[in-house]
C-alpha atoms as a PDB file:
ATOM      1  CA  MET A   1      88.646 159.385  74.047  1.00  0.00           C
ATOM      2  CA  THR A   2      89.870 161.438  71.238  1.00  0.00           C
ATOM      3  CA  GLU A   3      88.062 164.534  71.765  1.00  0.00           C
ATOM      4  CA  THR A   4      90.039 167.683  72.624  1.00  0.00           C
ATOM      5  CA  LYS A   5      88.194 169.063  75.948  1.00  0.00           C
ATOM      6  CA  SER A   6      90.188 172.197  76.146  1.00  0.00           C
ATOM      7  CA  LYS A   7      89.020 174.755  73.523  1.00  0.00           C
ATOM      8  CA  ASN A   8      91.547 177.849  74.830  1.00  0.00           C
ATOM      9  CA  ILE A   9      94.526 176.357  73.759  1.00  0.00           C
ATOM     10  CA  VAL A  10      97.062 177.362  70.787  1.00  0.00           C
ATOM     11  CA  TRP A  11     100.136 175.297  69.350  1.00  0.00           C
ATOM     12  CA  HIS A  12     103.229 176.997  70.040  1.00  0.00           C
ATOM     13  CA  GLN A  13     106.270 176.638  67.524  1.00  0.00           C
ATOM     14  CA  THR A  14     109.320 176.239  68.917  1.00  0.00           C
ATOM     15  CA  THR A  15     112.257 178.072  68.130  1.00  0.00           C
ATOM     16  CA  ILE A  16     114.575 175.100  67.079  1.00  0.00           C
ATOM     17  CA  THR A  17     113.241 173.477  63.946  1.00  0.00           C
ATOM     18  CA  ARG A  18     113.125 169.712  63.432  1.00  0.00           C
ATOM     19  CA  GLU A  19     115.459 170.208  60.267  1.00  0.00           C
ATOM     20  CA  ALA A  20     117.480 171.653  62.540  1.00  0.00           C
ATOM     21  CA  ARG A  21     117.743 168.951  64.838  1.00  0.00           C
ATOM     22  CA  GLU A  22     118.198 166.573  62.129  1.00  0.00           C
ATOM     23  CA  SER A  23     120.906 168.383  60.810  1.00  0.00           C
ATOM     24  CA  LYS A  24     122.979 168.433  64.024  1.00  0.00           C
ATOM     25  CA  ASN A  25     121.918 164.468  64.649  1.00  0.00           C
ATOM     26  CA  LYS A  26     123.056 163.911  61.084  1.00  0.00           C
ATOM     27  CA  HIS A  27     120.143 161.660  60.153  1.00  0.00           C
ATOM     28  CA  LYS A  28     116.421 162.040  59.891  1.00  0.00           C
ATOM     29  CA  GLY A  29     113.867 161.714  62.938  1.00  0.00           C
ATOM     30  CA  VAL A  30     111.446 158.760  61.806  1.00  0.00           C
ATOM     31  CA  ILE A  31     109.272 156.299  63.530  1.00  0.00           C
ATOM     32  CA  LEU A  32     110.032 152.555  63.142  1.00  0.00           C
ATOM     33  CA  TRP A  33     106.781 150.941  63.858  1.00  0.00           C
ATOM     34  CA  PHE A  34     107.447 147.383  64.611  1.00  0.00           C
ATOM     35  CA  THR A  35     104.250 145.252  64.449  1.00  0.00           C
ATOM     36  CA  GLY A  36     103.141 141.707  64.754  1.00  0.00           C
ATOM     37  CA  LEU A  37     101.910 138.814  66.966  1.00  0.00           C
ATOM     38  CA  SER A  38     102.958 138.395  70.266  1.00  0.00           C
ATOM     39  CA  GLY A  39     106.401 136.405  70.672  1.00  0.00           C
ATOM     40  CA  SER A  40     107.213 137.387  67.005  1.00  0.00           C
ATOM     41  CA  GLY A  41     110.257 139.332  68.183  1.00  0.00           C
ATOM     42  CA  LYS A  42     109.269 142.874  67.821  1.00  0.00           C
ATOM     43  CA  SER A  43     110.922 144.112  71.101  1.00  0.00           C
ATOM     44  CA  THR A  44     113.910 141.871  70.407  1.00  0.00           C
ATOM     45  CA  VAL A  45     114.363 143.401  66.734  1.00  0.00           C
ATOM     46  CA  ALA A  46     113.884 146.815  67.816  1.00  0.00           C
ATOM     47  CA  ASN A  47     116.412 146.708  70.627  1.00  0.00           C
ATOM     48  CA  ALA A  48     118.765 145.069  68.152  1.00  0.00           C
ATOM     49  CA  VAL A  49     117.888 147.858  65.719  1.00  0.00           C
ATOM     50  CA  GLU A  50     118.429 150.561  68.444  1.00  0.00           C
ATOM     51  CA  SER A  51     121.641 149.006  69.444  1.00  0.00           C
ATOM     52  CA  MET A  52     123.160 148.918  65.947  1.00  0.00           C
ATOM     53  CA  LEU A  53     122.240 152.658  65.364  1.00  0.00           C
ATOM     54  CA  PHE A  54     123.149 153.729  68.623  1.00  0.00           C
ATOM     55  CA  GLU A  55     126.917 152.363  68.149  1.00  0.00           C
ATOM     56  CA  ARG A  56     126.655 154.329  65.062  1.00  0.00           C
ATOM     57  CA  GLY A  57     126.090 157.649  66.856  1.00  0.00           C
ATOM     58  CA  CYS A  58     122.415 157.884  66.167  1.00  0.00           C
ATOM     59  CA  ASN A  59     120.022 159.394  68.590  1.00  0.00           C
ATOM     60  CA  THR A  60     117.393 156.732  69.225  1.00  0.00           C
ATOM     61  CA  PHE A  61     114.951 155.509  71.709  1.00  0.00           C
ATOM     62  CA  VAL A  62     112.781 152.468  72.151  1.00  0.00           C
ATOM     63  CA  LEU A  63     108.934 152.619  73.239  1.00  0.00           C
ATOM     64  CA  ASP A  64     107.718 149.168  74.107  1.00  0.00           C
ATOM     65  CA  GLY A  65     104.278 147.971  74.697  1.00  0.00           C
ATOM     66  CA  ASP A  66     104.609 146.660  78.113  1.00  0.00           C
ATOM     67  CA  ASN A  67     106.524 149.391  79.385  1.00  0.00           C
ATOM     68  CA  ILE A  68     104.127 152.202  78.038  1.00  0.00           C
ATOM     69  CA  ARG A  69     101.300 150.304  79.742  1.00  0.00           C
ATOM     70  CA  HIS A  70     103.096 150.651  83.155  1.00  0.00           C
ATOM     71  CA  GLY A  71     102.689 154.291  83.146  1.00  0.00           C
ATOM     72  CA  LEU A  72     101.413 156.559  80.130  1.00  0.00           C
ATOM     73  CA  ASN A  73      98.863 153.889  79.343  1.00  0.00           C
ATOM     74  CA  LYS A  74      98.180 151.927  82.598  1.00  0.00           C
ATOM     75  CA  ASP A  75      94.420 153.161  82.625  1.00  0.00           C
ATOM     76  CA  LEU A  76      93.688 151.058  79.206  1.00  0.00           C
ATOM     77  CA  GLY A  77      92.801 147.640  79.034  1.00  0.00           C
ATOM     78  CA  PHE A  78      92.558 145.349  75.878  1.00  0.00           C
ATOM     79  CA  SER A  79      89.036 145.944  74.285  1.00  0.00           C
ATOM     80  CA  PRO A  80      89.177 147.187  70.769  1.00  0.00           C
ATOM     81  CA  GLU A  81      88.267 150.423  71.839  1.00  0.00           C
ATOM     82  CA  GLU A  82      91.051 150.446  74.510  1.00  0.00           C
ATOM     83  CA  ARG A  83      93.727 149.367  72.099  1.00  0.00           C
ATOM     84  CA  LYS A  84      92.711 152.063  69.682  1.00  0.00           C
ATOM     85  CA  GLU A  85      93.310 154.692  72.634  1.00  0.00           C
ATOM     86  CA  ASN A  86      96.489 152.923  73.361  1.00  0.00           C
ATOM     87  CA  ILE A  87      98.032 153.066  69.946  1.00  0.00           C
ATOM     88  CA  ARG A  88      96.554 156.828  69.461  1.00  0.00           C
ATOM     89  CA  ARG A  89      98.598 157.894  72.370  1.00  0.00           C
ATOM     90  CA  ILE A  90     101.480 156.163  71.326  1.00  0.00           C
ATOM     91  CA  GLY A  91     101.156 157.802  67.939  1.00  0.00           C
ATOM     92  CA  GLU A  92     101.238 161.055  69.571  1.00  0.00           C
ATOM     93  CA  VAL A  93     104.433 160.553  71.521  1.00  0.00           C
ATOM     94  CA  ALA A  94     106.120 158.941  68.877  1.00  0.00           C
ATOM     95  CA  THR A  95     105.678 161.929  66.558  1.00  0.00           C
ATOM     96  CA  LEU A  96     107.043 164.292  69.350  1.00  0.00           C
ATOM     97  CA  PHE A  97     110.100 162.217  68.952  1.00  0.00           C
ATOM     98  CA  VAL A  98     110.193 162.546  65.227  1.00  0.00           C
ATOM     99  CA  ASP A  99     110.112 166.347  65.768  1.00  0.00           C
ATOM    100  CA  ALA A 100     113.210 166.159  68.089  1.00  0.00           C
ATOM    101  CA  GLY A 101     114.863 164.444  65.224  1.00  0.00           C
ATOM    102  CA  ILE A 102     115.097 161.036  66.883  1.00  0.00           C
ATOM    103  CA  ILE A 103     114.736 157.603  65.463  1.00  0.00           C
ATOM    104  CA  VAL A 104     112.130 156.106  67.776  1.00  0.00           C
ATOM    105  CA  CYS A 105     111.575 152.355  67.531  1.00  0.00           C
ATOM    106  CA  THR A 106     108.024 151.394  68.636  1.00  0.00           C
ATOM    107  CA  ALA A 107     107.351 147.706  69.486  1.00  0.00           C
ATOM    108  CA  PHE A 108     103.462 147.138  69.708  1.00  0.00           C
ATOM    109  CA  ILE A 109     101.278 144.377  68.525  1.00  0.00           C
ATOM    110  CA  SER A 110      99.115 147.297  67.189  1.00  0.00           C
ATOM    111  CA  PRO A 111      96.549 144.771  65.763  1.00  0.00           C
ATOM    112  CA  TYR A 112      94.303 146.781  63.898  1.00  0.00           C
ATOM    113  CA  ARG A 113      95.363 148.542  60.209  1.00  0.00           C
ATOM    114  CA  ALA A 114      93.142 151.243  60.911  1.00  0.00           C
ATOM    115  CA  ASP A 115      94.786 152.647  64.142  1.00  0.00           C
ATOM    116  CA  ARG A 116      98.157 152.033  62.306  1.00  0.00           C
ATOM    117  CA  GLU A 117      97.341 154.003  59.594  1.00  0.00           C
ATOM    118  CA  ALA A 118      95.985 156.758  61.919  1.00  0.00           C
ATOM    119  CA  VAL A 119      99.330 157.111  63.292  1.00  0.00           C
ATOM    120  CA  ARG A 120     100.840 157.404  59.947  1.00  0.00           C
ATOM    121  CA  ALA A 121      98.476 160.004  58.976  1.00  0.00           C
ATOM    122  CA  ILE A 122      99.698 162.400  61.709  1.00  0.00           C
ATOM    123  CA  CYS A 123     103.441 161.782  60.778  1.00  0.00           C
ATOM    124  CA  PRO A 124     105.192 164.578  58.945  1.00  0.00           C
ATOM    125  CA  ASP A 125     106.908 164.087  55.461  1.00  0.00           C
ATOM    126  CA  LYS A 126     106.602 159.968  55.483  1.00  0.00           C
ATOM    127  CA  SER A 127     108.408 159.625  58.552  1.00  0.00           C
ATOM    128  CA  PHE A 128     106.204 156.654  59.477  1.00  0.00           C
ATOM    129  CA  LEU A 129     107.713 153.227  58.574  1.00  0.00           C
ATOM    130  CA  GLU A 130     105.811 150.234  59.073  1.00  0.00           C
ATOM    131  CA  ILE A 131     107.720 147.001  59.703  1.00  0.00           C
ATOM    132  CA  TYR A 132     105.891 143.990  59.740  1.00  0.00           C
ATOM    133  CA  VAL A 133     107.507 141.357  62.084  1.00  0.00           C
ATOM    134  CA  GLU A 134     106.365 138.137  60.358  1.00  0.00           C
ATOM    135  CA  CYS A 135     106.450 134.846  62.219  1.00  0.00           C
ATOM    136  CA  PRO A 136     104.241 132.203  62.118  1.00  0.00           C
ATOM    137  CA  LEU A 137     101.548 131.553  64.903  1.00  0.00           C
ATOM    138  CA  GLU A 138     102.633 128.229  65.853  1.00  0.00           C
ATOM    139  CA  ILE A 139     106.322 129.591  66.424  1.00  0.00           C
ATOM    140  CA  CYS A 140     105.137 132.600  68.417  1.00  0.00           C
ATOM    141  CA  GLU A 141     103.080 129.937  70.415  1.00  0.00           C
ATOM    142  CA  LYS A 142     106.390 127.900  70.891  1.00  0.00           C
ATOM    143  CA  ARG A 143     108.134 130.689  72.095  1.00  0.00           C
ATOM    144  CA  ASP A 144     105.315 132.124  74.471  1.00  0.00           C
ATOM    145  CA  PRO A 145     108.053 133.962  76.425  1.00  0.00           C
ATOM    146  CA  LYS A 146     105.220 135.237  78.893  1.00  0.00           C
ATOM    147  CA  GLY A 147     103.106 132.351  78.816  1.00  0.00           C
ATOM    148  CA  LEU A 148     100.364 134.388  77.427  1.00  0.00           C
ATOM    149  CA  TYR A 149      99.442 131.944  74.639  1.00  0.00           C
ATOM    150  CA  GLN A 150      98.906 129.133  77.070  1.00  0.00           C
ATOM    151  CA  LYS A 151      96.736 131.142  79.295  1.00  0.00           C
ATOM    152  CA  ALA A 152      94.613 132.377  76.409  1.00  0.00           C
ATOM    153  CA  ARG A 153      94.298 128.770  75.125  1.00  0.00           C
ATOM    154  CA  ALA A 154      92.974 127.792  78.476  1.00  0.00           C
ATOM    155  CA  GLY A 155      90.625 130.776  78.772  1.00  0.00           C
ATOM    156  CA  GLU A 156      92.463 132.752  81.092  1.00  0.00           C
ATOM    157  CA  ILE A 157      92.968 135.494  79.209  1.00  0.00           C
ATOM    158  CA  SER A 158      90.368 137.128  76.679  1.00  0.00           C
ATOM    159  CA  GLN A 159      90.571 139.315  73.878  1.00  0.00           C
ATOM    160  CA  PHE A 160      94.145 137.856  72.906  1.00  0.00           C
ATOM    161  CA  THR A 161      95.451 138.810  69.633  1.00  0.00           C
ATOM    162  CA  GLY A 162      95.532 135.785  67.230  1.00  0.00           C
ATOM    163  CA  ILE A 163      93.565 133.657  69.357  1.00  0.00           C
ATOM    164  CA  THR A 164      90.457 135.094  70.560  1.00  0.00           C
ATOM    165  CA  ALA A 165      90.963 138.448  69.147  1.00  0.00           C
ATOM    166  CA  PRO A 166      92.141 139.535  65.303  1.00  0.00           C
ATOM    167  CA  TYR A 167      95.486 140.565  63.962  1.00  0.00           C
ATOM    168  CA  GLU A 168      95.225 142.439  60.720  1.00  0.00           C
ATOM    169  CA  GLU A 169      98.267 142.216  58.755  1.00  0.00           C
ATOM    170  CA  PRO A 170      99.984 145.194  57.192  1.00  0.00           C
ATOM    171  CA  GLU A 171      98.931 145.463  53.493  1.00  0.00           C
ATOM    172  CA  ASN A 172     101.786 147.566  52.273  1.00  0.00           C
ATOM    173  CA  PRO A 173     104.460 147.961  54.995  1.00  0.00           C
ATOM    174  CA  GLU A 174     107.664 149.653  54.087  1.00  0.00           C
ATOM    175  CA  ILE A 175     109.693 146.682  55.508  1.00  0.00           C
ATOM    176  CA  VAL A 176     108.998 143.016  56.067  1.00  0.00           C
ATOM    177  CA  VAL A 177     111.347 141.094  58.245  1.00  0.00           C
ATOM    178  CA  SER A 178     110.905 137.255  58.768  1.00  0.00           C
ATOM    179  CA  THR A 179     111.998 136.297  62.564  1.00  0.00           C
ATOM    180  CA  GLY A 180     111.157 132.517  62.238  1.00  0.00           C
ATOM    181  CA  SER A 181     114.382 131.131  61.314  1.00  0.00           C
ATOM    182  CA  LYS A 182     116.806 134.073  61.014  1.00  0.00           C
ATOM    183  CA  PRO A 183     119.224 135.208  63.451  1.00  0.00           C
ATOM    184  CA  VAL A 184     117.925 138.361  65.089  1.00  0.00           C
ATOM    185  CA  GLU A 185     121.385 140.323  64.111  1.00  0.00           C
ATOM    186  CA  GLU A 186     120.593 139.358  60.396  1.00  0.00           C
ATOM    187  CA  THR A 187     116.955 140.739  60.900  1.00  0.00           C
ATOM    188  CA  ALA A 188     117.899 144.007  62.420  1.00  0.00           C
ATOM    189  CA  ALA A 189     120.572 144.595  59.812  1.00  0.00           C
ATOM    190  CA  GLU A 190     117.839 144.389  57.047  1.00  0.00           C
ATOM    191  CA  VAL A 191     116.380 147.509  58.605  1.00  0.00           C
ATOM    192  CA  VAL A 192     119.168 149.317  59.298  1.00  0.00           C
ATOM    193  CA  ARG A 193     120.151 148.641  55.454  1.00  0.00           C
ATOM    194  CA  TYR A 194     116.877 150.144  54.309  1.00  0.00           C
ATOM    195  CA  LEU A 195     117.529 153.336  56.331  1.00  0.00           C
ATOM    196  CA  GLU A 196     120.899 153.780  54.562  1.00  0.00           C
ATOM    197  CA  GLU A 197     119.357 153.085  51.142  1.00  0.00           C
ATOM    198  CA  ASN A 198     116.384 155.522  51.758  1.00  0.00           C
ATOM    199  CA  GLY A 199     118.617 158.362  52.977  1.00  0.00           C
ATOM    200  CA  ILE A 200     117.634 158.292  56.502  1.00  0.00           C
ATOM    201  CA  ILE A 201     120.889 157.469  57.728  1.00  0.00           C
ATOM    202  CA  GLU A 202     124.390 157.819  56.438  1.00  0.00           C
ATOM    203  CA  GLU A 203     125.921 154.879  54.845  1.00  0.00           C
ATOM    204  CA  LEU A 204     129.016 153.795  56.625  1.00  0.00           C
ATOM    205  CA  GLU A 205     132.227 154.352  54.491  1.00  0.00           C
END
């Protein structure tokens, strides 16, 4: 699925550079890659982080797993090969946001380390920040906002991460946030604080 079929293509450089866009935006363009089990709170935290950044004047966007599968990746299922292609496409789109100087929050289970690292490899200048949304499986199941765990346990869903398909925890994520007991605002603030401390956004005076 990743082979380039068109051979007579050339990459065209844009007139306005990423650095110029970042200078205008007053922050760096980065990917905040939220990964974790279904029900761990990825989308909730990603949206809370975006809201905090937006209030500070940052240019942001959230790419959410279900939303992407409604359009760009609606032709993909959940086999290991299709999950790999799902993440590859998302990674390519997310890097375009980085080039635009935008802070893009991606909320995807992305269960395989190799797929996440493949996205990291195509990102320029360490602009890929892996955020492990840590939450015990039993809490994710108790939340079960979409009823998916119940269906997976009943055998109605195959290849379900954490039940009948693996989830490979990040080995060296930039950020680890726990959503088992902390309020979402506190968790999101941890991410924003990391961005401040690492010079991605300006600290509030």
